[in-house]
Amino acid sequence: MSLIHDWNPKQAALKDALAKPERFDEAIRLCLELHGSAHSAEVSGADTPTLFDELWRGLTRTAFEAMPTEKDVTIAWNIWHIARIEDLTANILIADSEQVLSDERLKKLGVAVRDTGNAMTDDEILNLSRSLDMDELRDYRTAVGKRTREIVSGLSVTEFKRKMKPESVRRILAEGGVTEHKDSIWLLDFWGKKTVAGILLMPITRHQIMHISDSFKLKERLAKHL
């Protein structure tokens, strides 16, 4: 049974709860539960390993940066991608605050790019993957996850229907979160049409499991050939 298949009932329950003010507490609980399982146990304080912990366990540097075929990405890219998107949407769009990524953190990560990677070529994906410091990427994603949980826990029932501020959407481009490339900049239109509830559904929860599921598949395939 796939991770996404197992995830779907709770994701459907979250969608339903977000639409009903009287189920506010349930919506927050479900959102944090799904979000927590997509992050390391350190993020949520879980007593048992999460899906992300299972993915990370035994992950070699070679598997982290490998691209099996031209139809694939890499595990490194998947983790970078979901971390950047969560950072941008939670902090800039929902909280109207500063993102976790900073110049200092970029230096530790070993890369210069700031965007989500949507428009990267295979060569660019491989270059990013080979350059990223594996442990620093994990630390960055952990910091993003902890910040998101603070933001979600601080939401009120009236905020679920709040729309994104156009100036906040523009900030993402100005701060390098997306590029002008058509395969990247479309994200601004996509996110700009959402409410806070919509962002909690996608990308804060469902988007994460999609890329973690893909990473598990990559890890399993690579284990047979590396």
N, C-alpha and C. Protein backbone atom coordinates (compact mmCIF):
# COMPACT_ATOMS: atom_id res chain seq x y z
N MET A 1 0.86 -1.20 0.00
CA MET A 1 0.00 0.00 0.00
C MET A 1 0.88 1.24 0.00
N SER A 2 0.62 2.19 -0.88
CA SER A 2 1.46 3.36 -1.02
C SER A 2 1.28 4.33 0.15
N LEU A 3 2.29 5.15 0.36
CA LEU A 3 2.21 6.15 1.42
C LEU A 3 1.05 7.11 1.17
N ILE A 4 0.87 7.50 -0.09
CA ILE A 4 -0.21 8.44 -0.42
C ILE A 4 -1.57 7.81 -0.16
N HIS A 5 -1.70 6.52 -0.49
CA HIS A 5 -2.97 5.82 -0.25
C HIS A 5 -3.29 5.79 1.23
N ASP A 6 -2.30 5.52 2.06
CA ASP A 6 -2.49 5.51 3.51
C ASP A 6 -2.81 6.90 4.04
N TRP A 7 -2.26 7.90 3.40
CA TRP A 7 -2.41 9.29 3.83
C TRP A 7 -3.79 9.86 3.49
N ASN A 8 -4.38 9.42 2.39
CA ASN A 8 -5.56 10.06 1.82
C ASN A 8 -6.75 10.22 2.78
N PRO A 9 -7.12 9.21 3.59
CA PRO A 9 -8.28 9.40 4.48
C PRO A 9 -8.12 10.56 5.45
N LYS A 10 -6.93 10.71 6.02
CA LYS A 10 -6.70 11.82 6.95
C LYS A 10 -6.66 13.16 6.21
N GLN A 11 -6.12 13.14 4.98
CA GLN A 11 -6.09 14.37 4.20
C GLN A 11 -7.52 14.80 3.86
N ALA A 12 -8.38 13.84 3.54
CA ALA A 12 -9.78 14.15 3.24
C ALA A 12 -10.49 14.68 4.49
N ALA A 13 -10.18 14.10 5.64
CA ALA A 13 -10.77 14.57 6.89
C ALA A 13 -10.32 15.99 7.20
N LEU A 14 -9.05 16.29 6.93
CA LEU A 14 -8.54 17.64 7.14
C LEU A 14 -9.26 18.63 6.25
N LYS A 15 -9.42 18.29 4.99
CA LYS A 15 -10.11 19.18 4.05
C LYS A 15 -11.52 19.49 4.54
N ASP A 16 -12.22 18.48 5.01
CA ASP A 16 -13.58 18.66 5.49
C ASP A 16 -13.59 19.52 6.75
N ALA A 17 -12.67 19.25 7.67
CA ALA A 17 -12.64 20.00 8.93
C ALA A 17 -12.29 21.46 8.72
N LEU A 18 -11.41 21.74 7.77
CA LEU A 18 -11.02 23.13 7.49
C LEU A 18 -12.18 23.97 6.99
N ALA A 19 -13.16 23.31 6.41
CA ALA A 19 -14.31 24.03 5.84
C ALA A 19 -15.41 24.29 6.87
N LYS A 20 -15.25 23.76 8.10
CA LYS A 20 -16.31 23.87 9.10
C LYS A 20 -15.76 24.49 10.38
N PRO A 21 -16.14 25.74 10.66
CA PRO A 21 -15.61 26.44 11.83
C PRO A 21 -15.75 25.66 13.14
N GLU A 22 -16.83 24.91 13.28
CA GLU A 22 -17.05 24.16 14.51
C GLU A 22 -16.04 23.01 14.69
N ARG A 23 -15.30 22.70 13.61
CA ARG A 23 -14.29 21.63 13.69
C ARG A 23 -12.87 22.20 13.66
N PHE A 24 -12.75 23.43 14.10
CA PHE A 24 -11.46 24.13 14.08
C PHE A 24 -10.37 23.35 14.81
N ASP A 25 -10.66 22.94 16.04
CA ASP A 25 -9.65 22.22 16.83
C ASP A 25 -9.22 20.93 16.13
N GLU A 26 -10.17 20.24 15.54
CA GLU A 26 -9.86 19.01 14.83
C GLU A 26 -8.99 19.30 13.61
N ALA A 27 -9.29 20.39 12.92
CA ALA A 27 -8.52 20.77 11.73
C ALA A 27 -7.06 21.04 12.10
N ILE A 28 -6.84 21.77 13.17
CA ILE A 28 -5.48 22.06 13.61
C ILE A 28 -4.77 20.77 14.01
N ARG A 29 -5.46 19.91 14.74
CA ARG A 29 -4.86 18.64 15.17
C ARG A 29 -4.47 17.78 13.98
N LEU A 30 -5.37 17.66 13.01
CA LEU A 30 -5.09 16.84 11.83
C LEU A 30 -3.94 17.43 11.00
N CYS A 31 -3.94 18.74 10.86
CA CYS A 31 -2.88 19.39 10.10
C CYS A 31 -1.52 19.13 10.74
N LEU A 32 -1.46 19.29 12.05
CA LEU A 32 -0.19 19.06 12.75
C LEU A 32 0.21 17.59 12.72
N GLU A 33 -0.76 16.70 12.76
CA GLU A 33 -0.45 15.27 12.71
C GLU A 33 0.15 14.89 11.36
N LEU A 34 -0.49 15.33 10.28
CA LEU A 34 0.01 15.02 8.95
C LEU A 34 1.37 15.69 8.71
N HIS A 35 1.45 16.94 9.09
CA HIS A 35 2.70 17.67 8.94
C HIS A 35 3.82 17.00 9.72
N GLY A 36 3.52 16.56 10.94
CA GLY A 36 4.52 15.94 11.78
C GLY A 36 5.05 14.64 11.21
N SER A 37 4.20 13.86 10.61
CA SER A 37 4.65 12.57 10.07
C SER A 37 5.52 12.75 8.83
N ALA A 38 5.42 13.91 8.18
CA ALA A 38 6.25 14.20 7.01
C ALA A 38 7.60 14.79 7.40
N HIS A 39 7.77 15.09 8.67
CA HIS A 39 9.02 15.64 9.19
C HIS A 39 9.66 14.65 10.16
N SER A 40 10.85 14.97 10.61
CA SER A 40 11.51 14.13 11.60
C SER A 40 10.77 14.23 12.93
N ALA A 41 10.96 13.22 13.77
CA ALA A 41 10.30 13.21 15.08
C ALA A 41 10.71 14.42 15.92
N GLU A 42 11.89 14.96 15.65
CA GLU A 42 12.37 16.13 16.37
C GLU A 42 11.44 17.33 16.19
N VAL A 43 10.80 17.42 15.04
CA VAL A 43 9.94 18.56 14.74
C VAL A 43 8.69 18.56 15.61
N SER A 44 8.06 17.40 15.73
CA SER A 44 6.79 17.32 16.47
C SER A 44 6.95 16.78 17.89
N GLY A 45 8.14 16.25 18.20
CA GLY A 45 8.34 15.64 19.50
C GLY A 45 7.75 14.25 19.59
N ALA A 46 7.57 13.60 18.45
CA ALA A 46 6.99 12.26 18.42
C ALA A 46 7.89 11.25 19.13
N ASP A 47 7.27 10.24 19.73
CA ASP A 47 8.01 9.21 20.46
C ASP A 47 8.53 8.10 19.55
N THR A 48 7.97 8.00 18.38
CA THR A 48 8.36 6.96 17.44
C THR A 48 8.83 7.58 16.13
N PRO A 49 9.63 6.85 15.34
CA PRO A 49 10.12 7.38 14.06
C PRO A 49 8.98 7.74 13.11
N THR A 50 9.16 8.81 12.38
CA THR A 50 8.17 9.27 11.41
C THR A 50 8.50 8.73 10.02
N LEU A 51 7.65 9.04 9.07
CA LEU A 51 7.92 8.65 7.69
C LEU A 51 9.25 9.24 7.22
N PHE A 52 9.49 10.48 7.58
CA PHE A 52 10.74 11.12 7.17
C PHE A 52 11.94 10.45 7.83
N ASP A 53 11.80 10.08 9.10
CA ASP A 53 12.88 9.37 9.78
C ASP A 53 13.19 8.06 9.08
N GLU A 54 12.15 7.36 8.64
CA GLU A 54 12.35 6.10 7.94
C GLU A 54 13.06 6.32 6.61
N LEU A 55 12.70 7.40 5.93
CA LEU A 55 13.37 7.72 4.67
C LEU A 55 14.85 8.02 4.90
N TRP A 56 15.15 8.75 5.95
CA TRP A 56 16.52 9.18 6.21
C TRP A 56 17.40 8.04 6.72
N ARG A 57 16.77 7.07 7.40
CA ARG A 57 17.55 5.98 7.99
C ARG A 57 18.30 5.20 6.90
N GLY A 58 19.60 5.11 7.03
CA GLY A 58 20.41 4.35 6.09
C GLY A 58 20.59 5.02 4.73
N LEU A 59 20.16 6.27 4.60
CA LEU A 59 20.30 6.97 3.32
C LEU A 59 21.76 7.35 3.11
N THR A 60 22.36 6.83 2.07
CA THR A 60 23.77 7.11 1.79
C THR A 60 23.90 8.40 0.98
N ARG A 61 25.10 8.95 1.00
CA ARG A 61 25.37 10.14 0.20
C ARG A 61 25.15 9.86 -1.28
N THR A 62 25.54 8.68 -1.71
CA THR A 62 25.38 8.31 -3.12
C THR A 62 23.91 8.28 -3.52
N ALA A 63 23.08 7.66 -2.68
CA ALA A 63 21.65 7.60 -2.98
C ALA A 63 21.00 8.97 -2.88
N PHE A 64 21.46 9.79 -1.95
CA PHE A 64 20.94 11.14 -1.73
C PHE A 64 21.02 11.98 -3.00
N GLU A 65 22.11 11.85 -3.74
CA GLU A 65 22.33 12.74 -4.88
C GLU A 65 22.15 12.07 -6.24
N ALA A 66 21.75 10.80 -6.26
CA ALA A 66 21.67 10.05 -7.52
C ALA A 66 20.35 10.31 -8.26
N MET A 67 20.44 10.35 -9.60
CA MET A 67 19.27 10.47 -10.48
C MET A 67 19.26 9.22 -11.38
N PRO A 68 18.44 8.22 -11.05
CA PRO A 68 18.46 6.96 -11.79
C PRO A 68 18.25 7.09 -13.29
N THR A 69 17.26 7.90 -13.71
CA THR A 69 17.00 8.10 -15.13
C THR A 69 16.64 9.56 -15.36
N GLU A 70 16.54 9.95 -16.62
CA GLU A 70 16.19 11.33 -16.96
C GLU A 70 14.75 11.67 -16.57
N LYS A 71 13.95 10.65 -16.28
CA LYS A 71 12.56 10.89 -15.87
C LYS A 71 12.46 11.16 -14.36
N ASP A 72 13.56 10.95 -13.66
CA ASP A 72 13.57 11.11 -12.21
C ASP A 72 14.19 12.44 -11.78
N VAL A 73 14.01 12.73 -10.48
CA VAL A 73 14.78 13.80 -9.84
C VAL A 73 15.74 13.10 -8.88
N THR A 74 16.08 13.72 -7.78
CA THR A 74 16.92 13.09 -6.76
C THR A 74 16.24 13.23 -5.41
N ILE A 75 16.66 12.43 -4.46
CA ILE A 75 16.13 12.57 -3.10
C ILE A 75 16.52 13.94 -2.54
N ALA A 76 17.74 14.36 -2.82
CA ALA A 76 18.20 15.67 -2.36
C ALA A 76 17.29 16.78 -2.88
N TRP A 77 16.96 16.72 -4.18
CA TRP A 77 16.10 17.74 -4.77
C TRP A 77 14.71 17.70 -4.13
N ASN A 78 14.16 16.50 -3.93
CA ASN A 78 12.84 16.39 -3.32
C ASN A 78 12.80 17.07 -1.97
N ILE A 79 13.82 16.83 -1.14
CA ILE A 79 13.83 17.40 0.20
C ILE A 79 14.03 18.92 0.14
N TRP A 80 14.94 19.36 -0.72
CA TRP A 80 15.13 20.81 -0.91
C TRP A 80 13.82 21.46 -1.36
N HIS A 81 13.17 20.86 -2.32
CA HIS A 81 11.95 21.39 -2.92
C HIS A 81 10.83 21.55 -1.89
N ILE A 82 10.57 20.53 -1.10
CA ILE A 82 9.49 20.64 -0.12
C ILE A 82 9.86 21.58 1.03
N ALA A 83 11.14 21.62 1.37
CA ALA A 83 11.57 22.53 2.43
C ALA A 83 11.42 23.98 2.00
N ARG A 84 11.85 24.29 0.77
CA ARG A 84 11.75 25.66 0.28
C ARG A 84 10.30 26.10 0.15
N ILE A 85 9.47 25.22 -0.40
CA ILE A 85 8.07 25.60 -0.59
C ILE A 85 7.37 25.79 0.75
N GLU A 86 7.65 24.92 1.70
CA GLU A 86 7.04 25.10 3.03
C GLU A 86 7.52 26.39 3.67
N ASP A 87 8.80 26.67 3.57
CA ASP A 87 9.37 27.88 4.14
C ASP A 87 8.70 29.13 3.56
N LEU A 88 8.58 29.17 2.25
CA LEU A 88 8.01 30.33 1.57
C LEU A 88 6.53 30.52 1.89
N THR A 89 5.76 29.44 1.80
CA THR A 89 4.32 29.57 1.96
C THR A 89 3.89 29.76 3.41
N ALA A 90 4.55 29.09 4.33
CA ALA A 90 4.18 29.24 5.74
C ALA A 90 4.60 30.61 6.28
N ASN A 91 5.85 30.98 6.00
CA ASN A 91 6.37 32.19 6.62
C ASN A 91 5.99 33.48 5.89
N ILE A 92 6.06 33.47 4.57
CA ILE A 92 5.75 34.69 3.83
C ILE A 92 4.25 34.84 3.59
N LEU A 93 3.60 33.76 3.14
CA LEU A 93 2.18 33.88 2.78
C LEU A 93 1.24 33.81 3.97
N ILE A 94 1.43 32.84 4.86
CA ILE A 94 0.51 32.72 6.00
C ILE A 94 0.87 33.70 7.11
N ALA A 95 2.13 33.73 7.50
CA ALA A 95 2.53 34.52 8.68
C ALA A 95 3.00 35.93 8.37
N ASP A 96 3.27 36.22 7.08
CA ASP A 96 3.79 37.53 6.69
C ASP A 96 5.04 37.88 7.51
N SER A 97 5.92 36.88 7.62
CA SER A 97 7.15 37.06 8.40
C SER A 97 8.36 36.70 7.54
N GLU A 98 9.51 36.58 8.15
CA GLU A 98 10.73 36.27 7.42
C GLU A 98 10.88 34.76 7.25
N GLN A 99 11.36 34.35 6.08
CA GLN A 99 11.58 32.93 5.87
C GLN A 99 12.80 32.45 6.66
N VAL A 100 12.87 31.15 6.86
CA VAL A 100 13.96 30.55 7.63
C VAL A 100 15.28 30.65 6.88
N LEU A 101 15.24 30.48 5.56
CA LEU A 101 16.47 30.54 4.76
C LEU A 101 17.10 31.92 4.86
N SER A 102 18.43 31.93 5.07
CA SER A 102 19.18 33.17 5.19
C SER A 102 20.50 33.00 4.45
N ASP A 103 21.22 34.09 4.29
CA ASP A 103 22.53 34.01 3.64
C ASP A 103 23.46 33.09 4.42
N GLU A 104 23.42 33.19 5.73
CA GLU A 104 24.27 32.34 6.58
C GLU A 104 23.92 30.87 6.40
N ARG A 105 22.63 30.58 6.35
CA ARG A 105 22.21 29.18 6.20
C ARG A 105 22.58 28.66 4.81
N LEU A 106 22.46 29.51 3.79
CA LEU A 106 22.85 29.10 2.45
C LEU A 106 24.32 28.68 2.40
N LYS A 107 25.17 29.43 3.09
CA LYS A 107 26.59 29.09 3.12
C LYS A 107 26.79 27.72 3.75
N LYS A 108 26.06 27.44 4.82
CA LYS A 108 26.16 26.15 5.48
C LYS A 108 25.65 25.02 4.57
N LEU A 109 24.60 25.32 3.83
CA LEU A 109 24.03 24.34 2.92
C LEU A 109 24.96 24.05 1.75
N GLY A 110 25.79 25.02 1.39
CA GLY A 110 26.75 24.84 0.31
C GLY A 110 26.23 25.17 -1.07
N VAL A 111 25.14 25.94 -1.13
CA VAL A 111 24.55 26.29 -2.42
C VAL A 111 24.27 27.79 -2.48
N ALA A 112 24.02 28.27 -3.69
CA ALA A 112 23.70 29.69 -3.88
C ALA A 112 22.26 29.90 -4.30
N VAL A 113 21.60 28.87 -4.80
CA VAL A 113 20.23 29.01 -5.27
C VAL A 113 19.28 29.19 -4.09
N ARG A 114 18.20 29.92 -4.36
CA ARG A 114 17.19 30.17 -3.33
C ARG A 114 15.81 29.65 -3.73
N ASP A 115 15.63 29.34 -5.00
CA ASP A 115 14.28 29.00 -5.47
C ASP A 115 13.92 27.55 -5.17
N THR A 116 12.70 27.20 -5.51
CA THR A 116 12.14 25.88 -5.20
C THR A 116 12.66 24.77 -6.10
N GLY A 117 13.29 25.15 -7.19
CA GLY A 117 13.85 24.15 -8.11
C GLY A 117 12.90 23.65 -9.17
N ASN A 118 11.72 24.24 -9.28
CA ASN A 118 10.72 23.76 -10.24
C ASN A 118 11.20 23.79 -11.69
N ALA A 119 12.00 24.78 -12.04
CA ALA A 119 12.41 24.94 -13.43
C ALA A 119 13.81 24.42 -13.71
N MET A 120 14.38 23.69 -12.77
CA MET A 120 15.76 23.21 -12.95
C MET A 120 15.85 22.14 -14.04
N THR A 121 16.94 22.19 -14.80
CA THR A 121 17.25 21.14 -15.75
C THR A 121 17.85 19.95 -14.98
N ASP A 122 18.01 18.83 -15.66
CA ASP A 122 18.62 17.67 -15.00
C ASP A 122 20.02 18.01 -14.47
N ASP A 123 20.79 18.72 -15.28
CA ASP A 123 22.14 19.09 -14.85
C ASP A 123 22.11 20.00 -13.62
N GLU A 124 21.15 20.90 -13.58
CA GLU A 124 21.03 21.80 -12.43
C GLU A 124 20.59 21.04 -11.18
N ILE A 125 19.69 20.07 -11.37
CA ILE A 125 19.26 19.24 -10.24
C ILE A 125 20.43 18.46 -9.68
N LEU A 126 21.22 17.87 -10.58
CA LEU A 126 22.39 17.10 -10.15
C LEU A 126 23.42 17.99 -9.46
N ASN A 127 23.64 19.17 -10.00
CA ASN A 127 24.60 20.09 -9.39
C ASN A 127 24.14 20.51 -7.99
N LEU A 128 22.85 20.82 -7.84
CA LEU A 128 22.30 21.16 -6.53
C LEU A 128 22.49 19.99 -5.57
N SER A 129 22.15 18.80 -6.03
CA SER A 129 22.19 17.60 -5.19
C SER A 129 23.60 17.28 -4.72
N ARG A 130 24.57 17.46 -5.61
CA ARG A 130 25.96 17.17 -5.26
C ARG A 130 26.57 18.25 -4.37
N SER A 131 26.00 19.44 -4.43
CA SER A 131 26.55 20.56 -3.65
C SER A 131 25.97 20.64 -2.24
N LEU A 132 24.72 20.20 -2.08
CA LEU A 132 24.05 20.33 -0.79
C LEU A 132 24.74 19.53 0.31
N ASP A 133 24.94 20.17 1.44
CA ASP A 133 25.41 19.46 2.62
C ASP A 133 24.22 18.69 3.18
N MET A 134 24.34 17.40 3.25
CA MET A 134 23.23 16.53 3.61
C MET A 134 22.68 16.84 5.01
N ASP A 135 23.56 16.95 5.99
CA ASP A 135 23.13 17.21 7.36
C ASP A 135 22.54 18.60 7.51
N GLU A 136 23.11 19.57 6.80
CA GLU A 136 22.59 20.93 6.87
C GLU A 136 21.20 21.03 6.24
N LEU A 137 20.96 20.24 5.19
CA LEU A 137 19.64 20.24 4.57
C LEU A 137 18.62 19.68 5.56
N ARG A 138 18.99 18.62 6.25
CA ARG A 138 18.09 18.07 7.28
C ARG A 138 17.83 19.11 8.36
N ASP A 139 18.87 19.80 8.80
CA ASP A 139 18.70 20.82 9.84
C ASP A 139 17.81 21.96 9.36
N TYR A 140 18.00 22.37 8.10
CA TYR A 140 17.17 23.44 7.55
C TYR A 140 15.71 23.02 7.53
N ARG A 141 15.44 21.81 7.05
CA ARG A 141 14.05 21.34 6.99
C ARG A 141 13.45 21.22 8.38
N THR A 142 14.26 20.81 9.35
CA THR A 142 13.78 20.73 10.73
C THR A 142 13.39 22.11 11.25
N ALA A 143 14.23 23.10 10.96
CA ALA A 143 13.93 24.47 11.40
C ALA A 143 12.67 25.00 10.74
N VAL A 144 12.50 24.69 9.47
CA VAL A 144 11.28 25.10 8.75
C VAL A 144 10.06 24.44 9.38
N GLY A 145 10.16 23.14 9.64
CA GLY A 145 9.03 22.41 10.21
C GLY A 145 8.62 22.94 11.56
N LYS A 146 9.58 23.25 12.41
CA LYS A 146 9.28 23.78 13.74
C LYS A 146 8.60 25.14 13.64
N ARG A 147 9.09 25.97 12.73
CA ARG A 147 8.47 27.29 12.55
C ARG A 147 7.03 27.15 12.05
N THR A 148 6.81 26.24 11.12
CA THR A 148 5.46 26.04 10.59
C THR A 148 4.50 25.63 11.69
N ARG A 149 4.94 24.75 12.56
CA ARG A 149 4.06 24.29 13.64
C ARG A 149 3.69 25.45 14.58
N GLU A 150 4.60 26.35 14.80
CA GLU A 150 4.30 27.53 15.62
C GLU A 150 3.23 28.38 14.93
N ILE A 151 3.38 28.52 13.61
CA ILE A 151 2.43 29.33 12.85
C ILE A 151 1.04 28.69 12.85
N VAL A 152 1.00 27.40 12.56
CA VAL A 152 -0.30 26.70 12.51
C VAL A 152 -0.97 26.70 13.88
N SER A 153 -0.20 26.47 14.92
CA SER A 153 -0.76 26.43 16.28
C SER A 153 -1.30 27.79 16.71
N GLY A 154 -0.80 28.85 16.10
CA GLY A 154 -1.24 30.19 16.47
C GLY A 154 -2.39 30.74 15.64
N LEU A 155 -2.88 29.95 14.69
CA LEU A 155 -3.98 30.41 13.84
C LEU A 155 -5.30 30.45 14.61
N SER A 156 -6.19 31.33 14.18
CA SER A 156 -7.54 31.39 14.74
C SER A 156 -8.53 30.91 13.69
N VAL A 157 -9.72 30.58 14.10
CA VAL A 157 -10.73 30.02 13.20
C VAL A 157 -11.08 30.98 12.07
N THR A 158 -11.00 32.27 12.33
CA THR A 158 -11.37 33.25 11.31
C THR A 158 -10.33 33.36 10.20
N GLU A 159 -9.13 32.85 10.44
CA GLU A 159 -8.06 33.01 9.45
C GLU A 159 -8.09 31.98 8.33
N PHE A 160 -8.82 30.89 8.50
CA PHE A 160 -8.82 29.85 7.48
C PHE A 160 -9.27 30.37 6.12
N LYS A 161 -10.21 31.33 6.12
CA LYS A 161 -10.73 31.85 4.86
C LYS A 161 -9.96 33.07 4.36
N ARG A 162 -8.92 33.46 5.09
CA ARG A 162 -8.14 34.63 4.68
C ARG A 162 -7.37 34.35 3.39
N LYS A 163 -7.45 35.30 2.46
CA LYS A 163 -6.75 35.16 1.18
C LYS A 163 -5.33 35.69 1.29
N MET A 164 -4.52 35.29 0.35
CA MET A 164 -3.12 35.72 0.35
C MET A 164 -3.00 37.20 -0.04
N LYS A 165 -2.13 37.91 0.62
CA LYS A 165 -1.88 39.30 0.27
C LYS A 165 -1.05 39.37 -1.01
N PRO A 166 -1.47 40.15 -2.00
CA PRO A 166 -0.69 40.27 -3.24
C PRO A 166 0.76 40.68 -2.99
N GLU A 167 0.96 41.55 -2.02
CA GLU A 167 2.33 42.00 -1.73
C GLU A 167 3.18 40.86 -1.15
N SER A 168 2.55 39.96 -0.43
CA SER A 168 3.28 38.80 0.11
C SER A 168 3.65 37.84 -1.01
N VAL A 169 2.73 37.67 -1.95
CA VAL A 169 3.01 36.82 -3.11
C VAL A 169 4.18 37.39 -3.90
N ARG A 170 4.19 38.69 -4.10
CA ARG A 170 5.28 39.34 -4.85
C ARG A 170 6.61 39.22 -4.12
N ARG A 171 6.56 39.18 -2.80
CA ARG A 171 7.79 39.04 -2.01
C ARG A 171 8.55 37.77 -2.36
N ILE A 172 7.81 36.71 -2.66
CA ILE A 172 8.44 35.43 -2.96
C ILE A 172 9.35 35.55 -4.18
N LEU A 173 8.88 36.26 -5.21
CA LEU A 173 9.71 36.49 -6.38
C LEU A 173 10.87 37.42 -6.04
N ALA A 174 10.59 38.47 -5.32
CA ALA A 174 11.63 39.44 -4.97
C ALA A 174 12.74 38.81 -4.13
N GLU A 175 12.40 37.84 -3.32
CA GLU A 175 13.40 37.20 -2.45
C GLU A 175 13.99 35.93 -3.07
N GLY A 176 13.66 35.69 -4.34
CA GLY A 176 14.29 34.59 -5.06
C GLY A 176 13.67 33.22 -4.83
N GLY A 177 12.50 33.17 -4.22
CA GLY A 177 11.85 31.89 -3.97
C GLY A 177 11.38 31.20 -5.24
N VAL A 178 11.03 31.99 -6.23
CA VAL A 178 10.74 31.49 -7.57
C VAL A 178 11.53 32.33 -8.56
N THR A 179 11.65 31.83 -9.78
CA THR A 179 12.33 32.57 -10.84
C THR A 179 11.31 33.03 -11.87
N GLU A 180 11.78 33.77 -12.85
CA GLU A 180 10.90 34.26 -13.92
C GLU A 180 10.54 33.16 -14.93
N HIS A 181 11.22 32.03 -14.86
CA HIS A 181 10.95 30.93 -15.79
C HIS A 181 9.50 30.47 -15.65
N LYS A 182 8.85 30.14 -16.76
CA LYS A 182 7.44 29.78 -16.75
C LYS A 182 7.15 28.57 -15.87
N ASP A 183 8.12 27.66 -15.74
CA ASP A 183 7.92 26.47 -14.92
C ASP A 183 8.09 26.75 -13.44
N SER A 184 8.46 27.98 -13.12
CA SER A 184 8.63 28.39 -11.73
C SER A 184 7.62 29.44 -11.31
N ILE A 185 7.46 30.47 -12.14
CA ILE A 185 6.66 31.62 -11.73
C ILE A 185 5.16 31.32 -11.64
N TRP A 186 4.72 30.23 -12.27
CA TRP A 186 3.30 29.85 -12.18
C TRP A 186 2.88 29.60 -10.74
N LEU A 187 3.83 29.26 -9.88
CA LEU A 187 3.52 29.01 -8.49
C LEU A 187 2.89 30.22 -7.80
N LEU A 188 3.31 31.41 -8.21
CA LEU A 188 2.75 32.62 -7.59
C LEU A 188 1.26 32.74 -7.85
N ASP A 189 0.84 32.43 -9.07
CA ASP A 189 -0.58 32.47 -9.40
C ASP A 189 -1.33 31.38 -8.64
N PHE A 190 -0.72 30.20 -8.57
CA PHE A 190 -1.33 29.06 -7.87
C PHE A 190 -1.54 29.37 -6.40
N TRP A 191 -0.48 29.84 -5.72
CA TRP A 191 -0.59 30.16 -4.30
C TRP A 191 -1.43 31.40 -4.07
N GLY A 192 -1.34 32.36 -4.97
CA GLY A 192 -2.05 33.62 -4.79
C GLY A 192 -3.55 33.49 -4.79
N LYS A 193 -4.06 32.41 -5.36
CA LYS A 193 -5.51 32.19 -5.41
C LYS A 193 -6.03 31.44 -4.20
N LYS A 194 -5.14 31.00 -3.34
CA LYS A 194 -5.55 30.17 -2.21
C LYS A 194 -5.87 30.98 -0.96
N THR A 195 -6.62 30.35 -0.07
CA THR A 195 -6.84 30.87 1.27
C THR A 195 -5.81 30.20 2.19
N VAL A 196 -5.79 30.61 3.46
CA VAL A 196 -4.91 29.95 4.42
C VAL A 196 -5.23 28.47 4.49
N ALA A 197 -6.51 28.13 4.51
CA ALA A 197 -6.91 26.72 4.54
C ALA A 197 -6.36 25.97 3.32
N GLY A 198 -6.42 26.63 2.18
CA GLY A 198 -5.90 26.01 0.96
C GLY A 198 -4.41 25.76 1.02
N ILE A 199 -3.67 26.68 1.61
CA ILE A 199 -2.22 26.51 1.76
C ILE A 199 -1.91 25.37 2.74
N LEU A 200 -2.73 25.24 3.79
CA LEU A 200 -2.53 24.15 4.74
C LEU A 200 -2.71 22.79 4.07
N LEU A 201 -3.64 22.74 3.13
CA LEU A 201 -3.87 21.49 2.40
C LEU A 201 -2.77 21.22 1.39
N MET A 202 -2.39 22.26 0.66
CA MET A 202 -1.41 22.12 -0.41
C MET A 202 -0.67 23.45 -0.56
N PRO A 203 0.53 23.56 -0.05
CA PRO A 203 1.53 22.49 0.07
C PRO A 203 1.87 22.00 1.49
N ILE A 204 1.33 22.60 2.55
CA ILE A 204 1.83 22.30 3.89
C ILE A 204 1.69 20.83 4.26
N THR A 205 0.66 20.16 3.76
CA THR A 205 0.51 18.74 4.08
C THR A 205 0.68 17.85 2.84
N ARG A 206 -0.26 17.85 1.94
CA ARG A 206 -0.25 16.87 0.85
C ARG A 206 1.00 16.93 -0.03
N HIS A 207 1.46 18.10 -0.34
CA HIS A 207 2.65 18.24 -1.19
C HIS A 207 3.85 17.51 -0.60
N GLN A 208 3.95 17.53 0.72
CA GLN A 208 5.10 16.89 1.37
C GLN A 208 5.09 15.38 1.15
N ILE A 209 3.93 14.75 1.36
CA ILE A 209 3.89 13.29 1.25
C ILE A 209 4.10 12.84 -0.19
N MET A 210 3.70 13.64 -1.15
CA MET A 210 3.92 13.29 -2.55
C MET A 210 5.42 13.13 -2.83
N HIS A 211 6.22 14.08 -2.34
CA HIS A 211 7.66 14.03 -2.62
C HIS A 211 8.40 13.05 -1.70
N ILE A 212 7.88 12.83 -0.50
CA ILE A 212 8.48 11.82 0.35
C ILE A 212 8.21 10.43 -0.22
N SER A 213 7.01 10.22 -0.73
CA SER A 213 6.68 8.95 -1.38
C SER A 213 7.59 8.71 -2.57
N ASP A 214 7.81 9.73 -3.38
CA ASP A 214 8.72 9.61 -4.52
C ASP A 214 10.14 9.29 -4.05
N SER A 215 10.55 9.90 -2.95
CA SER A 215 11.89 9.66 -2.42
C SER A 215 12.05 8.22 -1.93
N PHE A 216 11.02 7.66 -1.32
CA PHE A 216 11.08 6.27 -0.90
C PHE A 216 11.26 5.35 -2.12
N LYS A 217 10.53 5.65 -3.18
CA LYS A 217 10.64 4.84 -4.40
C LYS A 217 12.05 4.93 -4.98
N LEU A 218 12.61 6.14 -4.98
CA LEU A 218 13.98 6.32 -5.46
C LEU A 218 14.97 5.55 -4.60
N LYS A 219 14.80 5.64 -3.29
CA LYS A 219 15.70 4.96 -2.36
C LYS A 219 15.66 3.44 -2.60
N GLU A 220 14.46 2.90 -2.76
CA GLU A 220 14.31 1.46 -2.96
C GLU A 220 14.94 1.02 -4.28
N ARG A 221 14.73 1.81 -5.33
CA ARG A 221 15.31 1.46 -6.64
C ARG A 221 16.83 1.55 -6.60
N LEU A 222 17.33 2.58 -5.96
CA LEU A 222 18.77 2.77 -5.91
C LEU A 222 19.45 1.69 -5.06
N ALA A 223 18.77 1.20 -4.03
CA ALA A 223 19.34 0.17 -3.17
C ALA A 223 19.64 -1.11 -3.94
N LYS A 224 18.91 -1.32 -5.04
CA LYS A 224 19.10 -2.52 -5.85
C LYS A 224 20.26 -2.39 -6.82
N HIS A 225 20.70 -1.15 -7.05
CA HIS A 225 21.70 -0.93 -8.10
C HIS A 225 23.00 -0.29 -7.61
N LEU A 226 22.98 0.26 -6.40
CA LEU A 226 24.19 0.95 -5.91
C LEU A 226 25.02 0.03 -5.01
